[in-house]
Amino acid sequence: MINGAVMPESKKGNKIRKPFYRHLYVQVLFGVVLGIDKFMSECRALTNFIGNGVACVMVSRWEGELDRAALKAGLHDMTALPAE
């Protein structure tokens, strides 16, 4: 006779197995996290690139070595950059 306070035993242990959809739920969440991580990695790289460019301009301005005419020409017309 099964009492309400006694958990029935399964063949593989003393607890009843969890439904299969919980494992599917975890797999779907894991896939979503991996997909978001790929996108966020690209965003971090772009943010780092822009931050490094802004830092270079700010440090050169702080040091007094910023050539504003060359910077303006380079930002407005990409073909006007001097050839090295």
C-alpha atoms as a PDB file:
ATOM      1  CA  MET A   1       0.000   0.000   0.000  1.00  0.00           C
ATOM      2  CA  ILE A   2       1.365   3.444  -0.942  1.00  0.00           C
ATOM      3  CA  ASN A   3       1.173   6.082   1.732  1.00  0.00           C
ATOM      4  CA  GLY A   4       1.038   9.767   0.724  1.00  0.00           C
ATOM      5  CA  ALA A   5       4.237  10.506   2.659  1.00  0.00           C
ATOM      6  CA  VAL A   6       6.253   7.780   0.916  1.00  0.00           C
ATOM      7  CA  MET A   7       7.800   8.519  -2.484  1.00  0.00           C
ATOM      8  CA  PRO A   8       7.550   5.553  -4.845  1.00  0.00           C
ATOM      9  CA  GLU A   9      10.877   4.214  -6.049  1.00  0.00           C
ATOM     10  CA  SER A  10      11.937   3.918  -9.660  1.00  0.00           C
ATOM     11  CA  LYS A  11      14.193   1.216 -11.090  1.00  0.00           C
ATOM     12  CA  LYS A  12      17.247   3.505 -11.371  1.00  0.00           C
ATOM     13  CA  GLY A  13      17.258   5.041  -7.925  1.00  0.00           C
ATOM     14  CA  ASN A  14      15.180   6.141  -5.052  1.00  0.00           C
ATOM     15  CA  LYS A  15      13.637   9.182  -6.786  1.00  0.00           C
ATOM     16  CA  ILE A  16      11.249   9.451  -9.686  1.00  0.00           C
ATOM     17  CA  ARG A  17      12.912  10.800 -12.858  1.00  0.00           C
ATOM     18  CA  LYS A  18      12.165  14.357 -13.901  1.00  0.00           C
ATOM     19  CA  PRO A  19      10.123  14.883 -17.060  1.00  0.00           C
ATOM     20  CA  PHE A  20      12.117  14.990 -20.302  1.00  0.00           C
ATOM     21  CA  TYR A  21      10.991  18.507 -21.199  1.00  0.00           C
ATOM     22  CA  ARG A  22      13.148  19.998 -18.439  1.00  0.00           C
ATOM     23  CA  HIS A  23      16.251  18.761 -20.254  1.00  0.00           C
ATOM     24  CA  LEU A  24      14.926  20.176 -23.515  1.00  0.00           C
ATOM     25  CA  TYR A  25      14.282  23.512 -21.791  1.00  0.00           C
ATOM     26  CA  VAL A  26      17.883  23.624 -20.540  1.00  0.00           C
ATOM     27  CA  GLN A  27      19.220  22.787 -24.011  1.00  0.00           C
ATOM     28  CA  VAL A  28      17.158  25.543 -25.629  1.00  0.00           C
ATOM     29  CA  LEU A  29      18.307  28.104 -23.056  1.00  0.00           C
ATOM     30  CA  PHE A  30      21.914  27.017 -23.543  1.00  0.00           C
ATOM     31  CA  GLY A  31      21.562  27.514 -27.315  1.00  0.00           C
ATOM     32  CA  VAL A  32      20.047  30.974 -26.822  1.00  0.00           C
ATOM     33  CA  VAL A  33      22.874  31.984 -24.482  1.00  0.00           C
ATOM     34  CA  LEU A  34      25.490  30.804 -26.981  1.00  0.00           C
ATOM     35  CA  GLY A  35      23.779  32.724 -29.786  1.00  0.00           C
ATOM     36  CA  ILE A  36      23.609  35.905 -27.724  1.00  0.00           C
ATOM     37  CA  ASP A  37      27.234  35.474 -26.657  1.00  0.00           C
ATOM     38  CA  LYS A  38      28.376  35.428 -30.309  1.00  0.00           C
ATOM     39  CA  PHE A  39      26.488  38.658 -30.994  1.00  0.00           C
ATOM     40  CA  MET A  40      27.768  40.284 -27.776  1.00  0.00           C
ATOM     41  CA  SER A  41      31.330  39.300 -28.681  1.00  0.00           C
ATOM     42  CA  GLU A  42      31.010  41.268 -31.931  1.00  0.00           C
ATOM     43  CA  CYS A  43      29.569  44.229 -30.008  1.00  0.00           C
ATOM     44  CA  ARG A  44      32.431  44.141 -27.508  1.00  0.00           C
ATOM     45  CA  ALA A  45      34.993  44.104 -30.332  1.00  0.00           C
ATOM     46  CA  LEU A  46      33.325  47.065 -32.046  1.00  0.00           C
ATOM     47  CA  THR A  47      33.102  49.013 -28.788  1.00  0.00           C
ATOM     48  CA  ASN A  48      36.766  48.311 -28.061  1.00  0.00           C
ATOM     49  CA  PHE A  49      37.766  49.467 -31.561  1.00  0.00           C
ATOM     50  CA  ILE A  50      35.837  52.748 -31.245  1.00  0.00           C
ATOM     51  CA  GLY A  51      37.147  53.347 -27.727  1.00  0.00           C
ATOM     52  CA  ASN A  52      40.749  52.876 -28.840  1.00  0.00           C
ATOM     53  CA  GLY A  53      40.244  55.386 -31.677  1.00  0.00           C
ATOM     54  CA  VAL A  54      38.716  57.986 -29.358  1.00  0.00           C
ATOM     55  CA  ALA A  55      41.509  57.451 -26.827  1.00  0.00           C
ATOM     56  CA  CYS A  56      44.172  57.991 -29.514  1.00  0.00           C
ATOM     57  CA  VAL A  57      42.577  61.280 -30.579  1.00  0.00           C
ATOM     58  CA  MET A  58      42.195  62.472 -26.971  1.00  0.00           C
ATOM     59  CA  VAL A  59      45.784  61.624 -25.997  1.00  0.00           C
ATOM     60  CA  SER A  60      47.211  63.294 -29.102  1.00  0.00           C
ATOM     61  CA  ARG A  61      45.129  66.405 -28.345  1.00  0.00           C
ATOM     62  CA  TRP A  62      46.264  66.360 -24.715  1.00  0.00           C
ATOM     63  CA  GLU A  63      49.909  66.101 -25.811  1.00  0.00           C
ATOM     64  CA  GLY A  64      49.441  68.950 -28.302  1.00  0.00           C
ATOM     65  CA  GLU A  65      50.278  66.818 -31.349  1.00  0.00           C
ATOM     66  CA  LEU A  66      46.816  66.671 -32.929  1.00  0.00           C
ATOM     67  CA  ASP A  67      46.753  67.950 -36.506  1.00  0.00           C
ATOM     68  CA  ARG A  68      43.131  69.037 -36.774  1.00  0.00           C
ATOM     69  CA  ALA A  69      43.284  69.717 -40.512  1.00  0.00           C
ATOM     70  CA  ALA A  70      44.559  66.202 -41.247  1.00  0.00           C
ATOM     71  CA  LEU A  71      41.989  64.714 -38.858  1.00  0.00           C
ATOM     72  CA  LYS A  72      39.146  66.645 -40.479  1.00  0.00           C
ATOM     73  CA  ALA A  73      40.312  65.713 -43.978  1.00  0.00           C
ATOM     74  CA  GLY A  74      40.636  62.063 -42.995  1.00  0.00           C
ATOM     75  CA  LEU A  75      37.185  61.914 -41.410  1.00  0.00           C
ATOM     76  CA  HIS A  76      35.391  63.675 -44.274  1.00  0.00           C
ATOM     77  CA  ASP A  77      37.214  62.244 -47.277  1.00  0.00           C
ATOM     78  CA  MET A  78      38.759  58.817 -46.946  1.00  0.00           C
ATOM     79  CA  THR A  79      40.610  59.197 -50.281  1.00  0.00           C
ATOM     80  CA  ALA A  80      42.485  62.283 -49.001  1.00  0.00           C
ATOM     81  CA  LEU A  81      44.682  60.310 -46.607  1.00  0.00           C
ATOM     82  CA  PRO A  82      48.398  60.716 -47.326  1.00  0.00           C
ATOM     83  CA  ALA A  83      50.095  57.750 -48.975  1.00  0.00           C
ATOM     84  CA  GLU A  84      53.058  56.379 -47.066  1.00  0.00           C
END
